[in-house]
């Protein structure tokens, strides 16, 4: 599995670091989901999340991650995600 990024591939350290994290996420026994800030779109989901959610990688990538939650919780999830992004600035 690979993660599509807008990263400059001429920086070998960045590519190696990205490869390391991709492999670490793939081996995790926890569900891991990487989401594009602002769009809420999934850019990566590890195999454990595929197993737990019942979605395959092709179905998850590009999906608005809020749709993985029941509709009653989606607004709260979106607000929590947004506040996390603002906290990191």
C-alpha atoms as a PDB file:
ATOM      1  CA  UNK A   1       0.000   0.000   0.000  1.00  0.00           C
ATOM      2  CA  UNK A   2       1.200   3.470  -0.671  1.00  0.00           C
ATOM      3  CA  UNK A   3       0.168   6.945   0.308  1.00  0.00           C
ATOM      4  CA  UNK A   4      -0.241   9.540  -2.414  1.00  0.00           C
ATOM      5  CA  UNK A   5       1.344  12.804  -1.299  1.00  0.00           C
ATOM      6  CA  UNK A   6       2.274  16.156  -2.715  1.00  0.00           C
ATOM      7  CA  UNK A   7       5.703  15.720  -1.171  1.00  0.00           C
ATOM      8  CA  UNK A   8       8.799  16.620  -3.164  1.00  0.00           C
ATOM      9  CA  UNK A   9      10.208  13.211  -4.106  1.00  0.00           C
ATOM     10  CA  UNK A  10      13.669  14.733  -4.619  1.00  0.00           C
ATOM     11  CA  UNK A  11      14.089  14.760  -0.819  1.00  0.00           C
ATOM     12  CA  UNK A  12      15.193  11.175  -0.057  1.00  0.00           C
ATOM     13  CA  UNK A  13      14.878  11.613   3.720  1.00  0.00           C
ATOM     14  CA  UNK A  14      11.218  12.558   3.375  1.00  0.00           C
ATOM     15  CA  UNK A  15      10.533   9.570   1.143  1.00  0.00           C
ATOM     16  CA  UNK A  16      12.282   7.197   3.562  1.00  0.00           C
ATOM     17  CA  UNK A  17      10.393   8.659   6.503  1.00  0.00           C
ATOM     18  CA  UNK A  18       7.077   8.327   4.674  1.00  0.00           C
ATOM     19  CA  UNK A  19       7.924   4.721   3.761  1.00  0.00           C
ATOM     20  CA  UNK A  20       8.768   3.964   7.406  1.00  0.00           C
ATOM     21  CA  UNK A  21       5.432   5.312   8.653  1.00  0.00           C
ATOM     22  CA  UNK A  22       3.485   3.561   5.905  1.00  0.00           C
ATOM     23  CA  UNK A  23       5.017   0.237   6.942  1.00  0.00           C
ATOM     24  CA  UNK A  24       4.491   0.954  10.641  1.00  0.00           C
ATOM     25  CA  UNK A  25       0.829   1.803  10.081  1.00  0.00           C
ATOM     26  CA  UNK A  26       0.331  -1.282   7.928  1.00  0.00           C
ATOM     27  CA  UNK A  27       1.663  -3.526  10.717  1.00  0.00           C
ATOM     28  CA  UNK A  28      -0.344  -1.896  13.500  1.00  0.00           C
ATOM     29  CA  UNK A  29      -2.966  -3.926  15.313  1.00  0.00           C
ATOM     30  CA  UNK A  30      -4.915  -0.676  15.812  1.00  0.00           C
ATOM     31  CA  UNK A  31      -7.027   0.934  13.144  1.00  0.00           C
ATOM     32  CA  UNK A  32      -5.101   3.778  11.492  1.00  0.00           C
ATOM     33  CA  UNK A  33      -6.697   6.366   9.268  1.00  0.00           C
ATOM     34  CA  UNK A  34      -4.913   9.314   7.644  1.00  0.00           C
ATOM     35  CA  UNK A  35      -7.219  12.142   6.648  1.00  0.00           C
ATOM     36  CA  UNK A  36      -6.577  15.145   4.423  1.00  0.00           C
ATOM     37  CA  UNK A  37      -7.171  18.290   6.507  1.00  0.00           C
ATOM     38  CA  UNK A  38      -9.994  20.465   5.250  1.00  0.00           C
ATOM     39  CA  UNK A  39     -11.644  17.884   3.035  1.00  0.00           C
ATOM     40  CA  UNK A  40     -12.089  15.084   5.590  1.00  0.00           C
ATOM     41  CA  UNK A  41     -11.090  12.655   2.803  1.00  0.00           C
ATOM     42  CA  UNK A  42      -9.263   9.452   3.659  1.00  0.00           C
ATOM     43  CA  UNK A  43      -5.801   9.247   2.094  1.00  0.00           C
ATOM     44  CA  UNK A  44      -4.736   6.029   3.828  1.00  0.00           C
ATOM     45  CA  UNK A  45      -6.327   3.282   5.879  1.00  0.00           C
ATOM     46  CA  UNK A  46      -4.352   0.378   7.276  1.00  0.00           C
ATOM     47  CA  UNK A  47      -5.359  -3.285   6.877  1.00  0.00           C
ATOM     48  CA  UNK A  48      -6.726  -3.459  10.427  1.00  0.00           C
ATOM     49  CA  UNK A  49      -9.198  -0.672   9.678  1.00  0.00           C
ATOM     50  CA  UNK A  50     -10.235  -2.515   6.520  1.00  0.00           C
ATOM     51  CA  UNK A  51     -10.898  -5.609   8.618  1.00  0.00           C
ATOM     52  CA  UNK A  52     -12.803  -3.712  11.332  1.00  0.00           C
ATOM     53  CA  UNK A  53     -14.859  -1.511   9.002  1.00  0.00           C
ATOM     54  CA  UNK A  54     -15.609  -4.040   6.285  1.00  0.00           C
ATOM     55  CA  UNK A  55     -14.466  -1.546   3.640  1.00  0.00           C
ATOM     56  CA  UNK A  56     -11.565  -2.324   1.307  1.00  0.00           C
ATOM     57  CA  UNK A  57      -8.723   0.155   0.697  1.00  0.00           C
ATOM     58  CA  UNK A  58     -10.243   1.268  -2.617  1.00  0.00           C
ATOM     59  CA  UNK A  59     -13.544   2.069  -0.906  1.00  0.00           C
ATOM     60  CA  UNK A  60     -11.907   3.944   1.972  1.00  0.00           C
ATOM     61  CA  UNK A  61      -9.484   6.160   0.041  1.00  0.00           C
ATOM     62  CA  UNK A  62     -11.334   9.280  -1.018  1.00  0.00           C
ATOM     63  CA  UNK A  63     -14.239   8.618   1.355  1.00  0.00           C
ATOM     64  CA  UNK A  64     -15.272  11.389   3.739  1.00  0.00           C
ATOM     65  CA  UNK A  65     -14.126   9.754   6.985  1.00  0.00           C
ATOM     66  CA  UNK A  66     -17.159  11.100   8.851  1.00  0.00           C
ATOM     67  CA  UNK A  67     -19.240   8.508   6.997  1.00  0.00           C
ATOM     68  CA  UNK A  68     -17.527   5.810   9.059  1.00  0.00           C
ATOM     69  CA  UNK A  69     -19.531   7.041  12.068  1.00  0.00           C
ATOM     70  CA  UNK A  70     -23.239   6.967  12.775  1.00  0.00           C
ATOM     71  CA  UNK A  71     -24.989  10.082  11.507  1.00  0.00           C
ATOM     72  CA  UNK A  72     -25.772  11.346  15.021  1.00  0.00           C
ATOM     73  CA  UNK A  73     -22.030  11.559  15.808  1.00  0.00           C
ATOM     74  CA  UNK A  74     -20.746  13.062  12.558  1.00  0.00           C
ATOM     75  CA  UNK A  75     -20.969  16.712  13.562  1.00  0.00           C
ATOM     76  CA  UNK A  76     -19.201  16.048  16.869  1.00  0.00           C
ATOM     77  CA  UNK A  77     -16.483  14.061  15.081  1.00  0.00           C
ATOM     78  CA  UNK A  78     -15.969  16.850  12.535  1.00  0.00           C
ATOM     79  CA  UNK A  79     -15.721  19.468  15.295  1.00  0.00           C
ATOM     80  CA  UNK A  80     -13.246  17.353  17.253  1.00  0.00           C
ATOM     81  CA  UNK A  81     -11.126  16.793  14.149  1.00  0.00           C
ATOM     82  CA  UNK A  82     -11.160  20.516  13.318  1.00  0.00           C
ATOM     83  CA  UNK A  83     -10.232  21.531  16.877  1.00  0.00           C
ATOM     84  CA  UNK A  84      -7.331  19.073  16.790  1.00  0.00           C
ATOM     85  CA  UNK A  85      -6.024  20.691  13.602  1.00  0.00           C
ATOM     86  CA  UNK A  86      -6.315  24.156  15.145  1.00  0.00           C
ATOM     87  CA  UNK A  87      -4.522  22.993  18.301  1.00  0.00           C
ATOM     88  CA  UNK A  88      -1.550  21.776  16.233  1.00  0.00           C
ATOM     89  CA  UNK A  89      -0.961  25.222  14.630  1.00  0.00           C
END
